[in-house]
Amino acid sequence: MAETTGTATPAEVAEHSEDGVRRRDFINIAAVGAAGVGGVATLLPLISQMAPSADVLAESSTEVDISAIEPGQAIKAVFRKQPLFIKRLTRSEIEAANAIEADSLRDPESLGDRTKEGHEDVLVTMGVCTHLGCVPLGAAEGEIKGEFGGYFCPCHGSHYDTAGRIRKGPAPTNLEVPEYEFTSDTVIRVG
């Protein structure tokens, strides 16, 4: 009968440690994989609930047919639950807006900065005064247009010119021009 000394041969030690590393690697990979799956399972509902709902996505853009707007007329539309003014400028309104040096204005922008190339006669602005959010007058026929022939905010007396630029009153900036594009000569997509 052979006596055991409790020591293993070098070959047995190498085989045992090799198996131990493999088991340890598998356990580490399994643990990291389980943590990753758990993290994704936790974060996915949190991230997806921050996505806009269907009604918000439906209002993310608005198409407006401007073919019926005559020079000098404006229409009101709704974009993201806020009023949108679309005005077809007359030749004299364009000339009056271009006659003003943009650098002399509180919020310096030229008419060309506020309209699309090739469609300088179509002005698209949000119908929200930049002072405290009232809806200015001047988009509908017969409304007060203010001292500069554009828009007038009755809440605190801001006057905008024909290009929707602030000229007098407490409003700090021009009427906002939203992102828009012409999808044809008579249809614009806002948003």
N, C-alpha and C. Protein backbone atom coordinates (compact mmCIF):
# COMPACT_ATOMS: atom_id res chain seq x y z
N MET A 1 0.84 -1.16 0.00
CA MET A 1 0.00 0.00 0.00
C MET A 1 0.89 1.22 0.00
N ALA A 2 0.49 2.18 -0.89
CA ALA A 2 1.32 3.38 -1.02
C ALA A 2 0.88 4.41 0.00
N GLU A 3 1.84 5.06 0.51
CA GLU A 3 1.57 6.06 1.53
C GLU A 3 1.36 7.41 0.85
N THR A 4 0.32 8.19 1.25
CA THR A 4 0.07 9.51 0.68
C THR A 4 0.68 10.56 1.57
N THR A 5 1.33 11.46 0.94
CA THR A 5 2.01 12.51 1.71
C THR A 5 1.21 13.80 1.75
N GLY A 6 0.14 13.90 0.95
CA GLY A 6 -0.65 15.12 0.93
C GLY A 6 -0.14 16.13 -0.05
N THR A 7 0.88 15.81 -0.77
CA THR A 7 1.38 16.73 -1.78
C THR A 7 1.02 16.21 -3.15
N ALA A 8 0.73 17.08 -4.04
CA ALA A 8 0.36 16.71 -5.40
C ALA A 8 1.55 16.90 -6.31
N THR A 9 1.53 16.15 -7.37
CA THR A 9 2.60 16.27 -8.35
C THR A 9 2.40 17.56 -9.12
N PRO A 10 3.44 18.10 -9.75
CA PRO A 10 3.29 19.33 -10.52
C PRO A 10 2.24 19.21 -11.63
N ALA A 11 2.07 18.09 -12.23
CA ALA A 11 1.07 17.90 -13.28
C ALA A 11 -0.33 18.01 -12.70
N GLU A 12 -0.54 17.45 -11.48
CA GLU A 12 -1.85 17.52 -10.85
C GLU A 12 -2.18 18.97 -10.45
N VAL A 13 -1.19 19.70 -9.99
CA VAL A 13 -1.41 21.09 -9.60
C VAL A 13 -1.79 21.92 -10.82
N ALA A 14 -1.09 21.73 -11.93
CA ALA A 14 -1.39 22.49 -13.16
C ALA A 14 -2.79 22.18 -13.66
N GLU A 15 -3.17 20.89 -13.61
CA GLU A 15 -4.50 20.51 -14.08
C GLU A 15 -5.58 21.11 -13.18
N HIS A 16 -5.37 21.08 -11.89
CA HIS A 16 -6.34 21.61 -10.93
C HIS A 16 -6.49 23.13 -11.07
N SER A 17 -5.37 23.87 -11.18
CA SER A 17 -5.46 25.32 -11.29
C SER A 17 -6.07 25.74 -12.63
N GLU A 18 -5.82 24.96 -13.67
CA GLU A 18 -6.41 25.27 -14.97
C GLU A 18 -7.92 25.13 -14.91
N ASP A 19 -8.41 24.08 -14.26
CA ASP A 19 -9.85 23.90 -14.09
C ASP A 19 -10.44 25.01 -13.22
N GLY A 20 -9.73 25.43 -12.20
CA GLY A 20 -10.19 26.49 -11.31
C GLY A 20 -10.31 27.81 -12.04
N VAL A 21 -9.38 28.12 -12.92
CA VAL A 21 -9.45 29.36 -13.68
C VAL A 21 -10.63 29.32 -14.64
N ARG A 22 -10.85 28.21 -15.24
CA ARG A 22 -11.99 28.10 -16.15
C ARG A 22 -13.30 28.28 -15.40
N ARG A 23 -13.45 27.67 -14.28
CA ARG A 23 -14.68 27.81 -13.49
C ARG A 23 -14.85 29.25 -13.02
N ARG A 24 -13.76 29.86 -12.57
CA ARG A 24 -13.81 31.24 -12.10
C ARG A 24 -14.17 32.18 -13.25
N ASP A 25 -13.57 31.97 -14.41
CA ASP A 25 -13.90 32.80 -15.58
C ASP A 25 -15.38 32.67 -15.94
N PHE A 26 -15.88 31.44 -15.91
CA PHE A 26 -17.28 31.23 -16.23
C PHE A 26 -18.19 31.94 -15.23
N ILE A 27 -17.85 31.85 -13.97
CA ILE A 27 -18.66 32.50 -12.94
C ILE A 27 -18.62 34.02 -13.12
N ASN A 28 -17.44 34.58 -13.40
CA ASN A 28 -17.33 36.02 -13.63
C ASN A 28 -18.15 36.46 -14.84
N ILE A 29 -18.03 35.73 -15.93
CA ILE A 29 -18.78 36.08 -17.14
C ILE A 29 -20.28 35.97 -16.88
N ALA A 30 -20.69 34.94 -16.20
CA ALA A 30 -22.12 34.76 -15.89
C ALA A 30 -22.63 35.89 -14.99
N ALA A 31 -21.83 36.28 -13.99
CA ALA A 31 -22.24 37.36 -13.08
C ALA A 31 -22.35 38.69 -13.81
N VAL A 32 -21.36 39.00 -14.65
CA VAL A 32 -21.40 40.26 -15.41
C VAL A 32 -22.57 40.24 -16.39
N GLY A 33 -22.80 39.10 -17.04
CA GLY A 33 -23.93 38.99 -17.97
C GLY A 33 -25.26 39.17 -17.26
N ALA A 34 -25.42 38.56 -16.09
CA ALA A 34 -26.66 38.70 -15.33
C ALA A 34 -26.87 40.14 -14.88
N ALA A 35 -25.77 40.79 -14.46
CA ALA A 35 -25.88 42.19 -14.05
C ALA A 35 -26.25 43.07 -15.24
N GLY A 36 -25.69 42.79 -16.40
CA GLY A 36 -26.01 43.56 -17.60
C GLY A 36 -27.46 43.40 -17.99
N VAL A 37 -27.96 42.17 -17.98
CA VAL A 37 -29.37 41.92 -18.31
C VAL A 37 -30.27 42.60 -17.28
N GLY A 38 -29.90 42.53 -16.02
CA GLY A 38 -30.69 43.19 -14.98
C GLY A 38 -30.68 44.70 -15.14
N GLY A 39 -29.51 45.26 -15.50
CA GLY A 39 -29.43 46.71 -15.73
C GLY A 39 -30.29 47.15 -16.90
N VAL A 40 -30.24 46.41 -17.98
CA VAL A 40 -31.06 46.74 -19.16
C VAL A 40 -32.54 46.61 -18.81
N ALA A 41 -32.89 45.54 -18.10
CA ALA A 41 -34.29 45.34 -17.72
C ALA A 41 -34.79 46.46 -16.81
N THR A 42 -33.90 47.03 -16.02
CA THR A 42 -34.28 48.14 -15.14
C THR A 42 -34.35 49.46 -15.89
N LEU A 43 -33.37 49.73 -16.75
CA LEU A 43 -33.29 51.03 -17.43
C LEU A 43 -34.26 51.17 -18.60
N LEU A 44 -34.56 50.08 -19.30
CA LEU A 44 -35.41 50.17 -20.48
C LEU A 44 -36.78 50.80 -20.18
N PRO A 45 -37.50 50.37 -19.16
CA PRO A 45 -38.78 51.03 -18.86
C PRO A 45 -38.61 52.49 -18.45
N LEU A 46 -37.54 52.80 -17.74
CA LEU A 46 -37.31 54.18 -17.33
C LEU A 46 -37.06 55.08 -18.53
N ILE A 47 -36.26 54.61 -19.47
CA ILE A 47 -35.94 55.41 -20.65
C ILE A 47 -37.15 55.50 -21.59
N SER A 48 -37.86 54.40 -21.77
CA SER A 48 -38.99 54.42 -22.70
C SER A 48 -40.14 55.30 -22.19
N GLN A 49 -40.29 55.44 -20.90
CA GLN A 49 -41.36 56.30 -20.39
C GLN A 49 -41.06 57.78 -20.64
N MET A 50 -39.80 58.12 -20.96
CA MET A 50 -39.46 59.50 -21.27
C MET A 50 -39.71 59.85 -22.73
N ALA A 51 -40.03 58.89 -23.56
CA ALA A 51 -40.31 59.14 -24.97
C ALA A 51 -41.64 59.88 -25.09
N PRO A 52 -41.77 60.76 -26.10
CA PRO A 52 -43.02 61.50 -26.24
C PRO A 52 -44.19 60.58 -26.57
N SER A 53 -45.35 60.94 -26.06
CA SER A 53 -46.54 60.14 -26.32
C SER A 53 -47.03 60.36 -27.75
N ALA A 54 -47.98 59.56 -28.17
CA ALA A 54 -48.47 59.62 -29.55
C ALA A 54 -49.10 60.98 -29.87
N ASP A 55 -49.82 61.58 -28.92
CA ASP A 55 -50.43 62.87 -29.19
C ASP A 55 -49.40 63.98 -29.34
N VAL A 56 -48.29 63.87 -28.61
CA VAL A 56 -47.21 64.86 -28.75
C VAL A 56 -46.51 64.68 -30.09
N LEU A 57 -46.27 63.44 -30.48
CA LEU A 57 -45.64 63.20 -31.79
C LEU A 57 -46.52 63.69 -32.92
N ALA A 58 -47.83 63.56 -32.77
CA ALA A 58 -48.74 64.02 -33.81
C ALA A 58 -48.67 65.53 -33.98
N GLU A 59 -48.37 66.25 -32.91
CA GLU A 59 -48.29 67.70 -32.97
C GLU A 59 -46.87 68.21 -33.22
N SER A 60 -45.94 67.31 -33.45
CA SER A 60 -44.55 67.73 -33.61
C SER A 60 -44.31 68.47 -34.91
N SER A 61 -45.19 68.32 -35.89
CA SER A 61 -45.08 69.09 -37.11
C SER A 61 -46.48 69.40 -37.62
N THR A 62 -46.58 70.50 -38.35
CA THR A 62 -47.85 70.94 -38.90
C THR A 62 -47.62 71.35 -40.34
N GLU A 63 -48.50 70.92 -41.24
CA GLU A 63 -48.43 71.36 -42.63
C GLU A 63 -49.54 72.38 -42.86
N VAL A 64 -49.17 73.46 -43.55
CA VAL A 64 -50.13 74.53 -43.81
C VAL A 64 -50.08 74.88 -45.30
N ASP A 65 -51.25 74.93 -45.91
CA ASP A 65 -51.36 75.34 -47.32
C ASP A 65 -51.51 76.86 -47.33
N ILE A 66 -50.57 77.53 -47.97
CA ILE A 66 -50.57 79.00 -47.98
C ILE A 66 -51.02 79.58 -49.31
N SER A 67 -51.57 78.74 -50.19
CA SER A 67 -51.94 79.19 -51.53
C SER A 67 -53.04 80.25 -51.52
N ALA A 68 -53.89 80.25 -50.52
CA ALA A 68 -55.01 81.20 -50.48
C ALA A 68 -54.65 82.54 -49.84
N ILE A 69 -53.44 82.68 -49.31
CA ILE A 69 -53.06 83.92 -48.64
C ILE A 69 -52.64 84.93 -49.70
N GLU A 70 -53.34 86.04 -49.74
CA GLU A 70 -53.03 87.12 -50.68
C GLU A 70 -51.99 88.05 -50.05
N PRO A 71 -51.23 88.79 -50.86
CA PRO A 71 -50.27 89.75 -50.31
C PRO A 71 -50.97 90.72 -49.34
N GLY A 72 -50.39 90.89 -48.18
CA GLY A 72 -50.96 91.75 -47.15
C GLY A 72 -51.84 91.01 -46.16
N GLN A 73 -52.15 89.75 -46.44
CA GLN A 73 -52.99 88.96 -45.55
C GLN A 73 -52.14 88.04 -44.68
N ALA A 74 -52.74 87.63 -43.58
CA ALA A 74 -52.08 86.68 -42.67
C ALA A 74 -53.12 85.67 -42.22
N ILE A 75 -52.65 84.51 -41.86
CA ILE A 75 -53.53 83.50 -41.28
C ILE A 75 -52.95 83.06 -39.94
N LYS A 76 -53.83 82.51 -39.13
CA LYS A 76 -53.41 81.94 -37.85
C LYS A 76 -53.57 80.44 -37.95
N ALA A 77 -52.58 79.72 -37.50
CA ALA A 77 -52.65 78.26 -37.42
C ALA A 77 -52.23 77.88 -36.00
N VAL A 78 -52.20 76.60 -35.73
CA VAL A 78 -51.79 76.12 -34.41
C VAL A 78 -50.61 75.18 -34.60
N PHE A 79 -49.56 75.41 -33.82
CA PHE A 79 -48.39 74.56 -33.84
C PHE A 79 -47.99 74.29 -32.40
N ARG A 80 -48.01 73.02 -32.00
CA ARG A 80 -47.70 72.62 -30.63
C ARG A 80 -48.54 73.38 -29.61
N LYS A 81 -49.80 73.49 -29.91
CA LYS A 81 -50.80 74.12 -29.05
C LYS A 81 -50.54 75.61 -28.83
N GLN A 82 -49.79 76.23 -29.74
CA GLN A 82 -49.55 77.67 -29.68
C GLN A 82 -49.92 78.29 -31.02
N PRO A 83 -50.30 79.57 -31.00
CA PRO A 83 -50.66 80.22 -32.26
C PRO A 83 -49.44 80.40 -33.17
N LEU A 84 -49.68 80.25 -34.46
CA LEU A 84 -48.66 80.42 -35.49
C LEU A 84 -49.20 81.42 -36.49
N PHE A 85 -48.41 82.47 -36.78
CA PHE A 85 -48.81 83.48 -37.75
C PHE A 85 -48.05 83.24 -39.05
N ILE A 86 -48.78 83.22 -40.15
CA ILE A 86 -48.17 83.11 -41.48
C ILE A 86 -48.70 84.28 -42.29
N LYS A 87 -47.78 85.13 -42.72
CA LYS A 87 -48.17 86.36 -43.41
C LYS A 87 -47.46 86.44 -44.76
N ARG A 88 -48.24 86.81 -45.79
CA ARG A 88 -47.65 87.08 -47.10
C ARG A 88 -47.46 88.59 -47.19
N LEU A 89 -46.22 89.00 -47.22
CA LEU A 89 -45.89 90.42 -47.20
C LEU A 89 -46.10 91.06 -48.57
N THR A 90 -46.52 92.33 -48.55
CA THR A 90 -46.63 93.10 -49.79
C THR A 90 -45.26 93.63 -50.16
N ARG A 91 -45.13 94.13 -51.37
CA ARG A 91 -43.86 94.71 -51.82
C ARG A 91 -43.48 95.88 -50.91
N SER A 92 -44.44 96.71 -50.51
CA SER A 92 -44.13 97.87 -49.66
C SER A 92 -43.72 97.42 -48.25
N GLU A 93 -44.32 96.34 -47.72
CA GLU A 93 -43.92 95.83 -46.41
C GLU A 93 -42.50 95.27 -46.45
N ILE A 94 -42.16 94.61 -47.55
CA ILE A 94 -40.80 94.08 -47.71
C ILE A 94 -39.80 95.23 -47.78
N GLU A 95 -40.14 96.26 -48.55
CA GLU A 95 -39.25 97.42 -48.67
C GLU A 95 -39.09 98.14 -47.34
N ALA A 96 -40.19 98.28 -46.58
CA ALA A 96 -40.13 98.94 -45.28
C ALA A 96 -39.25 98.13 -44.31
N ALA A 97 -39.37 96.81 -44.34
CA ALA A 97 -38.55 95.97 -43.45
C ALA A 97 -37.08 96.02 -43.86
N ASN A 98 -36.82 96.04 -45.15
CA ASN A 98 -35.43 96.07 -45.62
C ASN A 98 -34.79 97.45 -45.46
N ALA A 99 -35.60 98.50 -45.30
CA ALA A 99 -35.07 99.85 -45.14
C ALA A 99 -34.46 100.07 -43.75
N ILE A 100 -34.81 99.23 -42.81
CA ILE A 100 -34.30 99.36 -41.44
C ILE A 100 -32.98 98.62 -41.33
N GLU A 101 -31.97 99.30 -40.81
CA GLU A 101 -30.68 98.65 -40.56
C GLU A 101 -30.84 97.68 -39.39
N ALA A 102 -30.50 96.40 -39.62
CA ALA A 102 -30.67 95.39 -38.58
C ALA A 102 -29.86 95.72 -37.33
N ASP A 103 -28.70 96.35 -37.50
CA ASP A 103 -27.86 96.68 -36.34
C ASP A 103 -28.49 97.71 -35.41
N SER A 104 -29.48 98.45 -35.91
CA SER A 104 -30.12 99.46 -35.09
C SER A 104 -31.25 98.89 -34.23
N LEU A 105 -31.56 97.62 -34.39
CA LEU A 105 -32.67 96.99 -33.67
C LEU A 105 -32.21 96.36 -32.37
N ARG A 106 -33.13 96.22 -31.45
CA ARG A 106 -32.85 95.59 -30.16
C ARG A 106 -32.39 94.15 -30.33
N ASP A 107 -33.06 93.43 -31.21
CA ASP A 107 -32.70 92.04 -31.54
C ASP A 107 -32.39 92.04 -33.04
N PRO A 108 -31.13 92.29 -33.41
CA PRO A 108 -30.79 92.54 -34.81
C PRO A 108 -30.95 91.32 -35.73
N GLU A 109 -31.96 91.39 -36.59
CA GLU A 109 -32.18 90.39 -37.63
C GLU A 109 -32.77 91.10 -38.83
N SER A 110 -32.31 90.73 -40.01
CA SER A 110 -32.90 91.30 -41.22
C SER A 110 -34.09 90.45 -41.63
N LEU A 111 -34.87 90.95 -42.57
CA LEU A 111 -36.00 90.19 -43.08
C LEU A 111 -35.49 88.91 -43.73
N GLY A 112 -34.36 88.99 -44.42
CA GLY A 112 -33.77 87.81 -45.05
C GLY A 112 -33.39 86.73 -44.04
N ASP A 113 -33.00 87.15 -42.83
CA ASP A 113 -32.67 86.19 -41.77
C ASP A 113 -33.92 85.46 -41.28
N ARG A 114 -35.07 86.09 -41.43
CA ARG A 114 -36.32 85.57 -40.86
C ARG A 114 -37.19 84.85 -41.87
N THR A 115 -36.79 84.84 -43.14
CA THR A 115 -37.57 84.17 -44.18
C THR A 115 -36.67 83.20 -44.93
N LYS A 116 -37.27 82.38 -45.78
CA LYS A 116 -36.52 81.41 -46.58
C LYS A 116 -36.17 82.03 -47.93
N GLU A 117 -34.99 81.69 -48.43
CA GLU A 117 -34.54 82.19 -49.72
C GLU A 117 -35.52 81.74 -50.81
N GLY A 118 -35.88 82.69 -51.65
CA GLY A 118 -36.86 82.43 -52.70
C GLY A 118 -38.29 82.64 -52.26
N HIS A 119 -38.49 82.80 -50.96
CA HIS A 119 -39.85 83.02 -50.40
C HIS A 119 -39.79 84.16 -49.39
N GLU A 120 -39.11 85.25 -49.77
CA GLU A 120 -38.95 86.39 -48.86
C GLU A 120 -40.27 87.07 -48.54
N ASP A 121 -41.31 86.77 -49.31
CA ASP A 121 -42.61 87.39 -49.06
C ASP A 121 -43.46 86.61 -48.06
N VAL A 122 -42.97 85.48 -47.56
CA VAL A 122 -43.74 84.67 -46.60
C VAL A 122 -43.01 84.69 -45.26
N LEU A 123 -43.67 85.29 -44.27
CA LEU A 123 -43.12 85.38 -42.92
C LEU A 123 -43.88 84.41 -42.01
N VAL A 124 -43.15 83.51 -41.37
CA VAL A 124 -43.73 82.52 -40.46
C VAL A 124 -43.17 82.79 -39.07
N THR A 125 -44.05 83.12 -38.11
CA THR A 125 -43.62 83.39 -36.74
C THR A 125 -44.58 82.73 -35.76
N MET A 126 -44.09 82.49 -34.57
CA MET A 126 -44.97 82.04 -33.50
C MET A 126 -45.78 83.25 -33.04
N GLY A 127 -47.04 83.07 -32.77
CA GLY A 127 -47.91 84.16 -32.35
C GLY A 127 -47.91 84.33 -30.85
N VAL A 128 -46.70 84.41 -30.28
CA VAL A 128 -46.55 84.54 -28.83
C VAL A 128 -45.57 85.67 -28.55
N CYS A 129 -46.02 86.68 -27.83
CA CYS A 129 -45.15 87.80 -27.49
C CYS A 129 -44.00 87.29 -26.63
N THR A 130 -42.81 87.78 -26.92
CA THR A 130 -41.63 87.30 -26.20
C THR A 130 -41.47 87.96 -24.82
N HIS A 131 -42.40 88.83 -24.45
CA HIS A 131 -42.33 89.45 -23.13
C HIS A 131 -42.90 88.49 -22.08
N LEU A 132 -44.21 88.26 -22.13
CA LEU A 132 -44.84 87.38 -21.15
C LEU A 132 -45.78 86.36 -21.77
N GLY A 133 -45.71 86.17 -23.08
CA GLY A 133 -46.46 85.10 -23.71
C GLY A 133 -47.88 85.41 -24.15
N CYS A 134 -48.27 86.67 -24.22
CA CYS A 134 -49.59 87.01 -24.73
C CYS A 134 -49.61 86.81 -26.24
N VAL A 135 -50.80 86.79 -26.82
CA VAL A 135 -50.94 86.65 -28.27
C VAL A 135 -51.10 88.06 -28.87
N PRO A 136 -50.15 88.48 -29.70
CA PRO A 136 -50.24 89.81 -30.31
C PRO A 136 -51.39 89.92 -31.31
N LEU A 137 -51.83 91.13 -31.52
CA LEU A 137 -52.84 91.42 -32.54
C LEU A 137 -52.13 91.78 -33.84
N GLY A 138 -52.85 91.69 -34.94
CA GLY A 138 -52.30 92.10 -36.23
C GLY A 138 -52.37 91.03 -37.29
N ALA A 139 -52.66 89.79 -36.91
CA ALA A 139 -52.72 88.71 -37.89
C ALA A 139 -54.07 88.66 -38.58
N ALA A 140 -55.12 89.07 -37.90
CA ALA A 140 -56.46 89.04 -38.50
C ALA A 140 -56.81 90.41 -39.07
N GLU A 141 -57.68 90.41 -40.03
CA GLU A 141 -58.09 91.67 -40.66
C GLU A 141 -58.83 92.54 -39.65
N GLY A 142 -58.47 93.81 -39.62
CA GLY A 142 -59.11 94.77 -38.73
C GLY A 142 -58.46 94.88 -37.36
N GLU A 143 -57.49 94.03 -37.05
CA GLU A 143 -56.82 94.12 -35.76
C GLU A 143 -55.77 95.22 -35.77
N ILE A 144 -55.49 95.75 -34.59
CA ILE A 144 -54.46 96.78 -34.43
C ILE A 144 -53.11 96.17 -34.77
N LYS A 145 -52.36 96.84 -35.63
CA LYS A 145 -51.06 96.34 -36.06
C LYS A 145 -49.89 97.05 -35.38
N GLY A 146 -50.16 98.01 -34.54
CA GLY A 146 -49.10 98.73 -33.83
C GLY A 146 -48.51 99.84 -34.68
N GLU A 147 -47.56 100.54 -34.10
CA GLU A 147 -46.97 101.71 -34.74
C GLU A 147 -46.13 101.38 -35.97
N PHE A 148 -45.71 100.12 -36.12
CA PHE A 148 -44.79 99.77 -37.20
C PHE A 148 -45.44 98.84 -38.23
N GLY A 149 -46.76 98.70 -38.18
CA GLY A 149 -47.51 97.97 -39.19
C GLY A 149 -47.41 96.46 -39.14
N GLY A 150 -46.89 95.91 -38.05
CA GLY A 150 -46.74 94.47 -37.95
C GLY A 150 -47.72 93.87 -36.96
N TYR A 151 -47.28 93.76 -35.72
CA TYR A 151 -48.09 93.18 -34.66
C TYR A 151 -48.02 94.06 -33.43
N PHE A 152 -49.08 94.00 -32.61
CA PHE A 152 -49.15 94.78 -31.39
C PHE A 152 -49.63 93.87 -30.27
N CYS A 153 -48.87 93.82 -29.18
CA CYS A 153 -49.27 93.02 -28.02
C CYS A 153 -50.06 93.91 -27.06
N PRO A 154 -51.34 93.64 -26.88
CA PRO A 154 -52.17 94.50 -26.02
C PRO A 154 -51.89 94.34 -24.53
N CYS A 155 -51.20 93.29 -24.14
CA CYS A 155 -50.96 93.07 -22.70
C CYS A 155 -50.05 94.13 -22.10
N HIS A 156 -48.92 94.41 -22.76
CA HIS A 156 -47.96 95.36 -22.20
C HIS A 156 -47.42 96.34 -23.23
N GLY A 157 -47.99 96.36 -24.42
CA GLY A 157 -47.67 97.40 -25.39
C GLY A 157 -46.44 97.17 -26.25
N SER A 158 -46.08 95.94 -26.53
CA SER A 158 -44.95 95.70 -27.44
C SER A 158 -45.41 95.88 -28.88
N HIS A 159 -44.58 96.57 -29.67
CA HIS A 159 -44.87 96.82 -31.08
C HIS A 159 -43.83 96.09 -31.93
N TYR A 160 -44.31 95.34 -32.91
CA TYR A 160 -43.44 94.61 -33.83
C TYR A 160 -43.65 95.16 -35.23
N ASP A 161 -42.60 95.13 -36.05
CA ASP A 161 -42.73 95.64 -37.42
C ASP A 161 -43.24 94.54 -38.35
N THR A 162 -43.26 94.83 -39.65
CA THR A 162 -43.80 93.90 -40.63
C THR A 162 -43.00 92.60 -40.72
N ALA A 163 -41.77 92.59 -40.22
CA ALA A 163 -40.95 91.38 -40.20
C ALA A 163 -41.02 90.66 -38.86
N GLY A 164 -41.91 91.11 -37.96
CA GLY A 164 -42.05 90.48 -36.65
C GLY A 164 -40.91 90.80 -35.70
N ARG A 165 -40.21 91.92 -35.95
CA ARG A 165 -39.08 92.31 -35.10
C ARG A 165 -39.55 93.31 -34.06
N ILE A 166 -39.07 93.18 -32.84
CA ILE A 166 -39.47 94.09 -31.77
C ILE A 166 -38.91 95.47 -32.06
N ARG A 167 -39.79 96.47 -31.96
CA ARG A 167 -39.37 97.84 -32.22
C ARG A 167 -39.62 98.76 -31.04
N LYS A 168 -40.63 98.42 -30.21
CA LYS A 168 -40.97 99.29 -29.09
C LYS A 168 -41.70 98.44 -28.04
N GLY A 169 -41.46 98.74 -26.78
CA GLY A 169 -42.15 98.02 -25.71
C GLY A 169 -41.23 97.10 -24.95
N PRO A 170 -41.77 96.35 -24.00
CA PRO A 170 -40.93 95.55 -23.09
C PRO A 170 -40.43 94.21 -23.65
N ALA A 171 -40.93 93.76 -24.78
CA ALA A 171 -40.49 92.45 -25.30
C ALA A 171 -39.00 92.48 -25.58
N PRO A 172 -38.25 91.49 -25.10
CA PRO A 172 -36.79 91.50 -25.27
C PRO A 172 -36.31 91.06 -26.65
N THR A 173 -37.09 90.21 -27.33
CA THR A 173 -36.63 89.67 -28.61
C THR A 173 -37.76 89.69 -29.64
N ASN A 174 -37.37 89.43 -30.88
CA ASN A 174 -38.33 89.36 -31.99
C ASN A 174 -39.27 88.17 -31.78
N LEU A 175 -40.40 88.20 -32.52
CA LEU A 175 -41.27 87.03 -32.51
C LEU A 175 -40.46 85.84 -33.04
N GLU A 176 -40.60 84.71 -32.40
CA GLU A 176 -39.81 83.53 -32.76
C GLU A 176 -40.21 82.99 -34.13
N VAL A 177 -39.21 82.67 -34.93
CA VAL A 177 -39.43 82.01 -36.21
C VAL A 177 -39.14 80.52 -35.97
N PRO A 178 -40.18 79.68 -36.05
CA PRO A 178 -39.95 78.25 -35.82
C PRO A 178 -39.22 77.63 -37.01
N GLU A 179 -38.70 76.44 -36.82
CA GLU A 179 -38.10 75.73 -37.95
C GLU A 179 -39.21 75.32 -38.90
N TYR A 180 -39.03 75.63 -40.17
CA TYR A 180 -40.02 75.25 -41.17
C TYR A 180 -39.33 75.11 -42.51
N GLU A 181 -40.04 74.46 -43.43
CA GLU A 181 -39.53 74.30 -44.78
C GLU A 181 -40.69 74.29 -45.75
N PHE A 182 -40.41 74.68 -46.99
CA PHE A 182 -41.40 74.61 -48.04
C PHE A 182 -41.35 73.22 -48.65
N THR A 183 -42.46 72.48 -48.57
CA THR A 183 -42.51 71.16 -49.21
C THR A 183 -42.95 71.29 -50.66
N SER A 184 -43.58 72.42 -50.98
CA SER A 184 -43.92 72.80 -52.37
C SER A 184 -44.01 74.31 -52.38
N ASP A 185 -44.38 74.90 -53.48
CA ASP A 185 -44.49 76.35 -53.55
C ASP A 185 -45.63 76.89 -52.69
N THR A 186 -46.59 76.02 -52.34
CA THR A 186 -47.76 76.50 -51.60
C THR A 186 -47.98 75.80 -50.25
N VAL A 187 -47.11 74.88 -49.88
CA VAL A 187 -47.28 74.17 -48.61
C VAL A 187 -46.00 74.26 -47.81
N ILE A 188 -46.17 74.60 -46.53
CA ILE A 188 -45.01 74.61 -45.63
C ILE A 188 -45.23 73.58 -44.53
N ARG A 189 -44.13 73.01 -44.06
CA ARG A 189 -44.16 72.10 -42.91
C ARG A 189 -43.39 72.78 -41.79
N VAL A 190 -44.10 73.00 -40.69
CA VAL A 190 -43.51 73.63 -39.52
C VAL A 190 -43.16 72.54 -38.53
N GLY A 191 -41.93 72.57 -38.03
CA GLY A 191 -41.49 71.58 -37.05
C GLY A 191 -40.61 70.52 -37.62
